[in-house]
Amino acid sequence: MGLVARVVEEAGIATITVSTGRDITALVRPPRALFVNHPMGNTFGHPGDAATQGEILRAALDLAVTATQPGVLVDLPRQWDAPFVYFAGDATPEALARQLKK
């Protein structure tokens, strides 16, 4: 989605991505991103948890107003309520070098 966000931004439309994969988001560098430390597939919280969903949505919309530079990645200070493990693997030095040139 970060790559799509770049294209949409080029058309003059502001975007915010909400991510559960911080490492991937940092490599793609979308225009504005909010990281939520939740398991993939649960970006906005548990089904039916309107309070958490609203909190995350408000944080994303706030980022649209407060982000002062492109490529900003903000960590939302909230944790999932149960242990989970996410490991995307190690990024190769070549992939990191390519992303840092962008």
PDB file of N, CA and C in Angstrom:
ATOM      1  N   MET A   1       0.815  -1.188   0.000  1.00  0.00           N
ATOM      2  CA  MET A   1       0.000   0.000   0.000  1.00  0.00           C
ATOM      3  C   MET A   1       0.860   1.253   0.000  1.00  0.00           C
ATOM      4  N   GLY A   2       2.025   1.184   0.566  1.00  0.00           N
ATOM      5  CA  GLY A   2       2.894   2.356   0.587  1.00  0.00           C
ATOM      6  C   GLY A   2       3.259   2.829  -0.800  1.00  0.00           C
ATOM      7  N   LEU A   3       3.453   1.889  -1.713  1.00  0.00           N
ATOM      8  CA  LEU A   3       3.768   2.264  -3.091  1.00  0.00           C
ATOM      9  C   LEU A   3       2.562   2.895  -3.770  1.00  0.00           C
ATOM     10  N   VAL A   4       1.377   2.377  -3.499  1.00  0.00           N
ATOM     11  CA  VAL A   4       0.142   2.962  -4.037  1.00  0.00           C
ATOM     12  C   VAL A   4      -0.036   4.368  -3.467  1.00  0.00           C
ATOM     13  N   ALA A   5       0.254   4.540  -2.182  1.00  0.00           N
ATOM     14  CA  ALA A   5       0.118   5.854  -1.553  1.00  0.00           C
ATOM     15  C   ALA A   5       0.990   6.886  -2.250  1.00  0.00           C
ATOM     16  N   ARG A   6       2.174   6.502  -2.656  1.00  0.00           N
ATOM     17  CA  ARG A   6       3.054   7.441  -3.374  1.00  0.00           C
ATOM     18  C   ARG A   6       2.408   7.918  -4.674  1.00  0.00           C
ATOM     19  N   VAL A   7       1.822   7.000  -5.421  1.00  0.00           N
ATOM     20  CA  VAL A   7       1.178   7.351  -6.692  1.00  0.00           C
ATOM     21  C   VAL A   7      -0.007   8.278  -6.446  1.00  0.00           C
ATOM     22  N   VAL A   8      -0.806   7.976  -5.440  1.00  0.00           N
ATOM     23  CA  VAL A   8      -1.960   8.812  -5.104  1.00  0.00           C
ATOM     24  C   VAL A   8      -1.496  10.205  -4.683  1.00  0.00           C
ATOM     25  N   GLU A   9      -0.424  10.270  -3.912  1.00  0.00           N
ATOM     26  CA  GLU A   9       0.130  11.564  -3.491  1.00  0.00           C
ATOM     27  C   GLU A   9       0.587  12.382  -4.701  1.00  0.00           C
ATOM     28  N   GLU A  10       1.173  11.728  -5.688  1.00  0.00           N
ATOM     29  CA  GLU A  10       1.609  12.434  -6.891  1.00  0.00           C
ATOM     30  C   GLU A  10       0.439  13.070  -7.625  1.00  0.00           C
ATOM     31  N   ALA A  11      -0.769  12.518  -7.431  1.00  0.00           N
ATOM     32  CA  ALA A  11      -1.975  13.088  -8.031  1.00  0.00           C
ATOM     33  C   ALA A  11      -2.546  14.212  -7.172  1.00  0.00           C
ATOM     34  N   GLY A  12      -1.887  14.520  -6.047  1.00  0.00           N
ATOM     35  CA  GLY A  12      -2.313  15.627  -5.208  1.00  0.00           C
ATOM     36  C   GLY A  12      -3.266  15.262  -4.092  1.00  0.00           C
ATOM     37  N   ILE A  13      -3.409  13.975  -3.798  1.00  0.00           N
ATOM     38  CA  ILE A  13      -4.309  13.521  -2.746  1.00  0.00           C
ATOM     39  C   ILE A  13      -3.472  13.021  -1.572  1.00  0.00           C
ATOM     40  N   ALA A  14      -3.694  13.605  -0.393  1.00  0.00           N
ATOM     41  CA  ALA A  14      -2.944  13.195   0.794  1.00  0.00           C
ATOM     42  C   ALA A  14      -3.337  11.780   1.214  1.00  0.00           C
ATOM     43  N   THR A  15      -2.372  11.010   1.664  1.00  0.00           N
ATOM     44  CA  THR A  15      -2.620   9.635   2.097  1.00  0.00           C
ATOM     45  C   THR A  15      -2.011   9.389   3.468  1.00  0.00           C
ATOM     46  N   ILE A  16      -2.602   8.427   4.173  1.00  0.00           N
ATOM     47  CA  ILE A  16      -2.063   7.909   5.426  1.00  0.00           C
ATOM     48  C   ILE A  16      -2.158   6.393   5.326  1.00  0.00           C
ATOM     49  N   THR A  17      -1.072   5.696   5.589  1.00  0.00           N
ATOM     50  CA  THR A  17      -1.152   4.246   5.675  1.00  0.00           C
ATOM     51  C   THR A  17      -1.094   3.858   7.144  1.00  0.00           C
ATOM     52  N   VAL A  18      -1.868   2.852   7.520  1.00  0.00           N
ATOM     53  CA  VAL A  18      -1.843   2.322   8.877  1.00  0.00           C
ATOM     54  C   VAL A  18      -1.251   0.916   8.752  1.00  0.00           C
ATOM     55  N   SER A  19      -0.151   0.688   9.435  1.00  0.00           N
ATOM     56  CA  SER A  19       0.661  -0.501   9.213  1.00  0.00           C
ATOM     57  C   SER A  19       0.851  -1.325  10.479  1.00  0.00           C
ATOM     58  N   THR A  20       0.919  -2.635  10.296  1.00  0.00           N
ATOM     59  CA  THR A  20       1.315  -3.530  11.380  1.00  0.00           C
ATOM     60  C   THR A  20       2.672  -4.157  11.091  1.00  0.00           C
ATOM     61  N   GLY A  21       3.294  -3.778  10.003  1.00  0.00           N
ATOM     62  CA  GLY A  21       4.624  -4.267   9.641  1.00  0.00           C
ATOM     63  C   GLY A  21       5.598  -3.110   9.579  1.00  0.00           C
ATOM     64  N   ARG A  22       6.146  -2.739  10.732  1.00  0.00           N
ATOM     65  CA  ARG A  22       6.976  -1.544  10.797  1.00  0.00           C
ATOM     66  C   ARG A  22       8.202  -1.643   9.899  1.00  0.00           C
ATOM     67  N   ASP A  23       8.853  -2.793   9.892  1.00  0.00           N
ATOM     68  CA  ASP A  23      10.064  -2.951   9.087  1.00  0.00           C
ATOM     69  C   ASP A  23       9.773  -2.772   7.599  1.00  0.00           C
ATOM     70  N   ILE A  24       8.687  -3.331   7.133  1.00  0.00           N
ATOM     71  CA  ILE A  24       8.311  -3.202   5.723  1.00  0.00           C
ATOM     72  C   ILE A  24       7.958  -1.751   5.412  1.00  0.00           C
ATOM     73  N   THR A  25       7.201  -1.129   6.285  1.00  0.00           N
ATOM     74  CA  THR A  25       6.808   0.264   6.090  1.00  0.00           C
ATOM     75  C   THR A  25       8.027   1.170   6.049  1.00  0.00           C
ATOM     76  N   ALA A  26       8.987   0.934   6.930  1.00  0.00           N
ATOM     77  CA  ALA A  26      10.205   1.751   6.944  1.00  0.00           C
ATOM     78  C   ALA A  26      10.989   1.600   5.646  1.00  0.00           C
ATOM     79  N   LEU A  27      10.977   0.423   5.061  1.00  0.00           N
ATOM     80  CA  LEU A  27      11.683   0.215   3.793  1.00  0.00           C
ATOM     81  C   LEU A  27      10.949   0.865   2.620  1.00  0.00           C
ATOM     82  N   VAL A  28       9.635   0.773   2.593  1.00  0.00           N
ATOM     83  CA  VAL A  28       8.843   1.322   1.478  1.00  0.00           C
ATOM     84  C   VAL A  28       8.759   2.844   1.558  1.00  0.00           C
ATOM     85  N   ARG A  29       8.725   3.379   2.769  1.00  0.00           N
ATOM     86  CA  ARG A  29       8.675   4.820   3.019  1.00  0.00           C
ATOM     87  C   ARG A  29       7.481   5.498   2.347  1.00  0.00           C
ATOM     88  N   PRO A  30       6.265   5.144   2.749  1.00  0.00           N
ATOM     89  CA  PRO A  30       5.102   5.850   2.216  1.00  0.00           C
ATOM     90  C   PRO A  30       5.122   7.304   2.696  1.00  0.00           C
ATOM     91  N   PRO A  31       4.321   8.181   2.082  1.00  0.00           N
ATOM     92  CA  PRO A  31       4.342   9.597   2.457  1.00  0.00           C
ATOM     93  C   PRO A  31       4.086   9.852   3.947  1.00  0.00           C
ATOM     94  N   ARG A  32       3.092   9.204   4.524  1.00  0.00           N
ATOM     95  CA  ARG A  32       2.778   9.311   5.952  1.00  0.00           C
ATOM     96  C   ARG A  32       2.279   7.948   6.396  1.00  0.00           C
ATOM     97  N   ALA A  33       2.827   7.450   7.514  1.00  0.00           N
ATOM     98  CA  ALA A  33       2.424   6.125   7.984  1.00  0.00           C
ATOM     99  C   ALA A  33       2.295   6.113   9.497  1.00  0.00           C
ATOM    100  N   LEU A  34       1.312   5.363   9.956  1.00  0.00           N
ATOM    101  CA  LEU A  34       1.079   5.143  11.378  1.00  0.00           C
ATOM    102  C   LEU A  34       1.292   3.659  11.644  1.00  0.00           C
ATOM    103  N   PHE A  35       2.239   3.338  12.538  1.00  0.00           N
ATOM    104  CA  PHE A  35       2.491   1.948  12.893  1.00  0.00           C
ATOM    105  C   PHE A  35       1.691   1.594  14.136  1.00  0.00           C
ATOM    106  N   VAL A  36       0.961   0.482  14.060  1.00  0.00           N
ATOM    107  CA  VAL A  36       0.195  -0.036  15.183  1.00  0.00           C
ATOM    108  C   VAL A  36       0.735  -1.425  15.493  1.00  0.00           C
ATOM    109  N   ASN A  37       1.204  -1.647  16.720  1.00  0.00           N
ATOM    110  CA  ASN A  37       1.810  -2.919  17.093  1.00  0.00           C
ATOM    111  C   ASN A  37       0.727  -3.957  17.400  1.00  0.00           C
ATOM    112  N   HIS A  38       0.053  -4.370  16.340  1.00  0.00           N
ATOM    113  CA  HIS A  38      -0.996  -5.395  16.405  1.00  0.00           C
ATOM    114  C   HIS A  38      -0.629  -6.505  15.425  1.00  0.00           C
ATOM    115  N   PRO A  39      -1.178  -7.688  15.592  1.00  0.00           N
ATOM    116  CA  PRO A  39      -0.934  -8.751  14.609  1.00  0.00           C
ATOM    117  C   PRO A  39      -1.496  -8.358  13.240  1.00  0.00           C
ATOM    118  N   MET A  40      -0.830  -8.816  12.200  1.00  0.00           N
ATOM    119  CA  MET A  40      -1.331  -8.548  10.848  1.00  0.00           C
ATOM    120  C   MET A  40      -2.764  -9.040  10.724  1.00  0.00           C
ATOM    121  N   GLY A  41      -3.582  -8.249  10.050  1.00  0.00           N
ATOM    122  CA  GLY A  41      -4.986  -8.581   9.895  1.00  0.00           C
ATOM    123  C   GLY A  41      -5.854  -7.978  10.982  1.00  0.00           C
ATOM    124  N   ASN A  42      -5.219  -7.369  11.974  1.00  0.00           N
ATOM    125  CA  ASN A  42      -5.940  -6.756  13.090  1.00  0.00           C
ATOM    126  C   ASN A  42      -5.496  -5.305  13.286  1.00  0.00           C
ATOM    127  N   THR A  43      -5.243  -4.626  12.201  1.00  0.00           N
ATOM    128  CA  THR A  43      -4.680  -3.281  12.246  1.00  0.00           C
ATOM    129  C   THR A  43      -5.466  -2.349  13.154  1.00  0.00           C
ATOM    130  N   PHE A  44      -6.794  -2.414  13.079  1.00  0.00           N
ATOM    131  CA  PHE A  44      -7.632  -1.512  13.862  1.00  0.00           C
ATOM    132  C   PHE A  44      -8.175  -2.166  15.134  1.00  0.00           C
ATOM    133  N   GLY A  45      -7.644  -3.311  15.518  1.00  0.00           N
ATOM    134  CA  GLY A  45      -8.053  -3.958  16.751  1.00  0.00           C
ATOM    135  C   GLY A  45      -8.967  -5.145  16.525  1.00  0.00           C
ATOM    136  N   HIS A  46      -9.560  -5.595  17.603  1.00  0.00           N
ATOM    137  CA  HIS A  46     -10.463  -6.741  17.559  1.00  0.00           C
ATOM    138  C   HIS A  46     -11.770  -6.381  16.847  1.00  0.00           C
ATOM    139  N   PRO A  47     -12.382  -7.335  16.166  1.00  0.00           N
ATOM    140  CA  PRO A  47     -13.704  -7.081  15.571  1.00  0.00           C
ATOM    141  C   PRO A  47     -14.690  -6.615  16.645  1.00  0.00           C
ATOM    142  N   GLY A  48     -15.424  -5.576  16.329  1.00  0.00           N
ATOM    143  CA  GLY A  48     -16.438  -5.068  17.251  1.00  0.00           C
ATOM    144  C   GLY A  48     -15.911  -4.134  18.328  1.00  0.00           C
ATOM    145  N   ASP A  49     -14.601  -3.910  18.385  1.00  0.00           N
ATOM    146  CA  ASP A  49     -14.014  -3.028  19.398  1.00  0.00           C
ATOM    147  C   ASP A  49     -14.006  -1.596  18.867  1.00  0.00           C
ATOM    148  N   ALA A  50     -15.159  -0.969  18.900  1.00  0.00           N
ATOM    149  CA  ALA A  50     -15.329   0.367  18.320  1.00  0.00           C
ATOM    150  C   ALA A  50     -14.437   1.406  18.997  1.00  0.00           C
ATOM    151  N   ALA A  51     -14.193   1.283  20.284  1.00  0.00           N
ATOM    152  CA  ALA A  51     -13.365   2.267  20.989  1.00  0.00           C
ATOM    153  C   ALA A  51     -11.936   2.263  20.441  1.00  0.00           C
ATOM    154  N   THR A  52     -11.341   1.080  20.319  1.00  0.00           N
ATOM    155  CA  THR A  52      -9.979   0.986  19.780  1.00  0.00           C
ATOM    156  C   THR A  52      -9.950   1.403  18.320  1.00  0.00           C
ATOM    157  N   GLN A  53     -10.912   0.959  17.546  1.00  0.00           N
ATOM    158  CA  GLN A  53     -10.964   1.317  16.133  1.00  0.00           C
ATOM    159  C   GLN A  53     -11.050   2.836  15.959  1.00  0.00           C
ATOM    160  N   GLY A  54     -11.865   3.474  16.778  1.00  0.00           N
ATOM    161  CA  GLY A  54     -11.984   4.927  16.719  1.00  0.00           C
ATOM    162  C   GLY A  54     -10.699   5.624  17.120  1.00  0.00           C
ATOM    163  N   GLU A  55     -10.037   5.100  18.154  1.00  0.00           N
ATOM    164  CA  GLU A  55      -8.764   5.674  18.608  1.00  0.00           C
ATOM    165  C   GLU A  55      -7.723   5.640  17.490  1.00  0.00           C
ATOM    166  N   ILE A  56      -7.609   4.504  16.813  1.00  0.00           N
ATOM    167  CA  ILE A  56      -6.618   4.357  15.750  1.00  0.00           C
ATOM    168  C   ILE A  56      -6.988   5.229  14.558  1.00  0.00           C
ATOM    169  N   LEU A  57      -8.246   5.274  14.207  1.00  0.00           N
ATOM    170  CA  LEU A  57      -8.689   6.124  13.102  1.00  0.00           C
ATOM    171  C   LEU A  57      -8.409   7.596  13.405  1.00  0.00           C
ATOM    172  N   ARG A  58      -8.705   8.045  14.624  1.00  0.00           N
ATOM    173  CA  ARG A  58      -8.434   9.436  14.997  1.00  0.00           C
ATOM    174  C   ARG A  58      -6.933   9.736  14.933  1.00  0.00           C
ATOM    175  N   ALA A  59      -6.104   8.789  15.366  1.00  0.00           N
ATOM    176  CA  ALA A  59      -4.651   8.989  15.301  1.00  0.00           C
ATOM    177  C   ALA A  59      -4.185   9.116  13.856  1.00  0.00           C
ATOM    178  N   ALA A  60      -4.745   8.303  12.965  1.00  0.00           N
ATOM    179  CA  ALA A  60      -4.379   8.373  11.553  1.00  0.00           C
ATOM    180  C   ALA A  60      -4.809   9.705  10.943  1.00  0.00           C
ATOM    181  N   LEU A  61      -6.016  10.141  11.234  1.00  0.00           N
ATOM    182  CA  LEU A  61      -6.498  11.415  10.709  1.00  0.00           C
ATOM    183  C   LEU A  61      -5.702  12.583  11.288  1.00  0.00           C
ATOM    184  N   ASP A  62      -5.320  12.484  12.547  1.00  0.00           N
ATOM    185  CA  ASP A  62      -4.491  13.517  13.157  1.00  0.00           C
ATOM    186  C   ASP A  62      -3.140  13.609  12.459  1.00  0.00           C
ATOM    187  N   LEU A  63      -2.589  12.475  12.075  1.00  0.00           N
ATOM    188  CA  LEU A  63      -1.307  12.453  11.367  1.00  0.00           C
ATOM    189  C   LEU A  63      -1.417  13.185  10.039  1.00  0.00           C
ATOM    190  N   ALA A  64      -2.565  13.102   9.399  1.00  0.00           N
ATOM    191  CA  ALA A  64      -2.758  13.812   8.126  1.00  0.00           C
ATOM    192  C   ALA A  64      -2.605  15.320   8.317  1.00  0.00           C
ATOM    193  N   VAL A  65      -2.959  15.802   9.476  1.00  0.00           N
ATOM    194  CA  VAL A  65      -2.902  17.233   9.762  1.00  0.00           C
ATOM    195  C   VAL A  65      -1.552  17.648  10.334  1.00  0.00           C
ATOM    196  N   THR A  66      -0.934  16.795  11.133  1.00  0.00           N
ATOM    197  CA  THR A  66       0.271  17.191  11.872  1.00  0.00           C
ATOM    198  C   THR A  66       1.590  16.815  11.203  1.00  0.00           C
ATOM    199  N   ALA A  67       1.575  15.909  10.241  1.00  0.00           N
ATOM    200  CA  ALA A  67       2.833  15.503   9.596  1.00  0.00           C
ATOM    201  C   ALA A  67       3.437  16.704   8.878  1.00  0.00           C
ATOM    202  N   THR A  68       4.672  17.018   9.201  1.00  0.00           N
ATOM    203  CA  THR A  68       5.303  18.207   8.639  1.00  0.00           C
ATOM    204  C   THR A  68       6.286  17.899   7.518  1.00  0.00           C
ATOM    205  N   GLN A  69       6.587  16.634   7.299  1.00  0.00           N
ATOM    206  CA  GLN A  69       7.528  16.274   6.242  1.00  0.00           C
ATOM    207  C   GLN A  69       7.140  14.938   5.638  1.00  0.00           C
ATOM    208  N   PRO A  70       7.490  14.717   4.371  1.00  0.00           N
ATOM    209  CA  PRO A  70       7.154  13.429   3.757  1.00  0.00           C
ATOM    210  C   PRO A  70       7.988  12.300   4.345  1.00  0.00           C
ATOM    211  N   GLY A  71       7.420  11.107   4.315  1.00  0.00           N
ATOM    212  CA  GLY A  71       8.131   9.926   4.787  1.00  0.00           C
ATOM    213  C   GLY A  71       8.059   9.707   6.284  1.00  0.00           C
ATOM    214  N   VAL A  72       7.185  10.442   6.967  1.00  0.00           N
ATOM    215  CA  VAL A  72       7.104  10.315   8.421  1.00  0.00           C
ATOM    216  C   VAL A  72       6.435   8.990   8.799  1.00  0.00           C
ATOM    217  N   LEU A  73       7.006   8.323   9.796  1.00  0.00           N
ATOM    218  CA  LEU A  73       6.472   7.064  10.326  1.00  0.00           C
ATOM    219  C   LEU A  73       6.308   7.241  11.830  1.00  0.00           C
ATOM    220  N   VAL A  74       5.063   7.225  12.281  1.00  0.00           N
ATOM    221  CA  VAL A  74       4.745   7.448  13.693  1.00  0.00           C
ATOM    222  C   VAL A  74       4.327   6.127  14.324  1.00  0.00           C
ATOM    223  N   ASP A  75       4.867   5.847  15.492  1.00  0.00           N
ATOM    224  CA  ASP A  75       4.484   4.652  16.255  1.00  0.00           C
ATOM    225  C   ASP A  75       3.357   5.023  17.209  1.00  0.00           C
ATOM    226  N   LEU A  76       2.210   4.368  17.063  1.00  0.00           N
ATOM    227  CA  LEU A  76       1.106   4.584  17.995  1.00  0.00           C
ATOM    228  C   LEU A  76       1.442   3.841  19.287  1.00  0.00           C
ATOM    229  N   PRO A  77       1.447   4.525  20.428  1.00  0.00           N
ATOM    230  CA  PRO A  77       1.867   3.881  21.683  1.00  0.00           C
ATOM    231  C   PRO A  77       0.765   3.017  22.298  1.00  0.00           C
ATOM    232  N   ARG A  78       0.462   1.913  21.631  1.00  0.00           N
ATOM    233  CA  ARG A  78      -0.514   0.968  22.201  1.00  0.00           C
ATOM    234  C   ARG A  78      -0.030  -0.441  21.872  1.00  0.00           C
ATOM    235  N   GLN A  79      -0.419  -1.384  22.682  1.00  0.00           N
ATOM    236  CA  GLN A  79       0.016  -2.762  22.511  1.00  0.00           C
ATOM    237  C   GLN A  79      -1.189  -3.673  22.365  1.00  0.00           C
ATOM    238  N   TRP A  80      -0.997  -4.768  21.668  1.00  0.00           N
ATOM    239  CA  TRP A  80      -2.012  -5.813  21.559  1.00  0.00           C
ATOM    240  C   TRP A  80      -2.172  -6.453  22.925  1.00  0.00           C
ATOM    241  N   ASP A  81      -3.349  -6.955  23.228  1.00  0.00           N
ATOM    242  CA  ASP A  81      -3.622  -7.471  24.572  1.00  0.00           C
ATOM    243  C   ASP A  81      -3.190  -8.911  24.812  1.00  0.00           C
ATOM    244  N   ALA A  82      -2.540  -9.529  23.844  1.00  0.00           N
ATOM    245  CA  ALA A  82      -2.051 -10.900  24.010  1.00  0.00           C
ATOM    246  C   ALA A  82      -0.706 -11.021  23.287  1.00  0.00           C
ATOM    247  N   PRO A  83       0.172 -11.895  23.760  1.00  0.00           N
ATOM    248  CA  PRO A  83       1.468 -12.041  23.088  1.00  0.00           C
ATOM    249  C   PRO A  83       1.306 -12.535  21.650  1.00  0.00           C
ATOM    250  N   PHE A  84       2.133 -11.993  20.759  1.00  0.00           N
ATOM    251  CA  PHE A  84       2.193 -12.485  19.387  1.00  0.00           C
ATOM    252  C   PHE A  84       3.599 -12.233  18.866  1.00  0.00           C
ATOM    253  N   VAL A  85       3.981 -12.980  17.847  1.00  0.00           N
ATOM    254  CA  VAL A  85       5.313 -12.857  17.278  1.00  0.00           C
ATOM    255  C   VAL A  85       5.188 -12.586  15.793  1.00  0.00           C
ATOM    256  N   TYR A  86       5.899 -11.574  15.331  1.00  0.00           N
ATOM    257  CA  TYR A  86       5.973 -11.279  13.900  1.00  0.00           C
ATOM    258  C   TYR A  86       7.433 -11.239  13.518  1.00  0.00           C
ATOM    259  N   PHE A  87       7.806 -12.003  12.526  1.00  0.00           N
ATOM    260  CA  PHE A  87       9.172 -11.968  12.027  1.00  0.00           C
ATOM    261  C   PHE A  87       9.118 -12.050  10.515  1.00  0.00           C
ATOM    262  N   ALA A  88       9.528 -10.989   9.866  1.00  0.00           N
ATOM    263  CA  ALA A  88       9.490 -10.923   8.407  1.00  0.00           C
ATOM    264  C   ALA A  88      10.780 -11.429   7.790  1.00  0.00           C
ATOM    265  N   GLY A  89      11.745 -11.764   8.604  1.00  0.00           N
ATOM    266  CA  GLY A  89      13.034 -12.162   8.084  1.00  0.00           C
ATOM    267  C   GLY A  89      13.966 -10.961   8.055  1.00  0.00           C
ATOM    268  N   ASP A  90      15.204 -11.212   7.831  1.00  0.00           N
ATOM    269  CA  ASP A  90      16.185 -10.132   7.788  1.00  0.00           C
ATOM    270  C   ASP A  90      16.219  -9.514   6.403  1.00  0.00           C
ATOM    271  N   ALA A  91      16.256  -8.190   6.342  1.00  0.00           N
ATOM    272  CA  ALA A  91      16.407  -7.500   5.061  1.00  0.00           C
ATOM    273  C   ALA A  91      17.850  -7.657   4.593  1.00  0.00           C
ATOM    274  N   THR A  92      18.023  -7.832   3.298  1.00  0.00           N
ATOM    275  CA  THR A  92      19.376  -7.967   2.769  1.00  0.00           C
ATOM    276  C   THR A  92      20.051  -6.602   2.721  1.00  0.00           C
ATOM    277  N   PRO A  93      21.367  -6.558   2.796  1.00  0.00           N
ATOM    278  CA  PRO A  93      22.075  -5.271   2.699  1.00  0.00           C
ATOM    279  C   PRO A  93      21.761  -4.541   1.384  1.00  0.00           C
ATOM    280  N   GLU A  94      21.575  -5.312   0.301  1.00  0.00           N
ATOM    281  CA  GLU A  94      21.268  -4.697  -0.992  1.00  0.00           C
ATOM    282  C   GLU A  94      19.915  -4.002  -0.967  1.00  0.00           C
ATOM    283  N   ALA A  95      18.922  -4.651  -0.363  1.00  0.00           N
ATOM    284  CA  ALA A  95      17.581  -4.058  -0.284  1.00  0.00           C
ATOM    285  C   ALA A  95      17.608  -2.798   0.576  1.00  0.00           C
ATOM    286  N   LEU A  96      18.319  -2.844   1.684  1.00  0.00           N
ATOM    287  CA  LEU A  96      18.418  -1.664   2.544  1.00  0.00           C
ATOM    288  C   LEU A  96      19.108  -0.511   1.818  1.00  0.00           C
ATOM    289  N   ALA A  97      20.178  -0.790   1.101  1.00  0.00           N
ATOM    290  CA  ALA A  97      20.899   0.253   0.371  1.00  0.00           C
ATOM    291  C   ALA A  97      20.015   0.899  -0.684  1.00  0.00           C
ATOM    292  N   ARG A  98      19.231   0.094  -1.401  1.00  0.00           N
ATOM    293  CA  ARG A  98      18.314   0.644  -2.420  1.00  0.00           C
ATOM    294  C   ARG A  98      17.282   1.559  -1.792  1.00  0.00           C
ATOM    295  N   GLN A  99      16.726   1.167  -0.655  1.00  0.00           N
ATOM    296  CA  GLN A  99      15.700   1.974  -0.002  1.00  0.00           C
ATOM    297  C   GLN A  99      16.269   3.267   0.553  1.00  0.00           C
ATOM    298  N   LEU A 100      17.480   3.244   1.038  1.00  0.00           N
ATOM    299  CA  LEU A 100      18.077   4.443   1.608  1.00  0.00           C
ATOM    300  C   LEU A 100      18.401   5.471   0.535  1.00  0.00           C
ATOM    301  N   LYS A 101      18.547   5.040  -0.718  1.00  0.00           N
ATOM    302  CA  LYS A 101      18.818   5.966  -1.826  1.00  0.00           C
ATOM    303  C   LYS A 101      17.568   6.727  -2.253  1.00  0.00           C
ATOM    304  N   LYS A 102      16.390   6.238  -1.879  1.00  0.00           N
ATOM    305  CA  LYS A 102      15.139   6.876  -2.320  1.00  0.00           C
ATOM    306  C   LYS A 102      14.881   8.165  -1.581  1.00  0.00           C
TER     307      LYS A 102
END
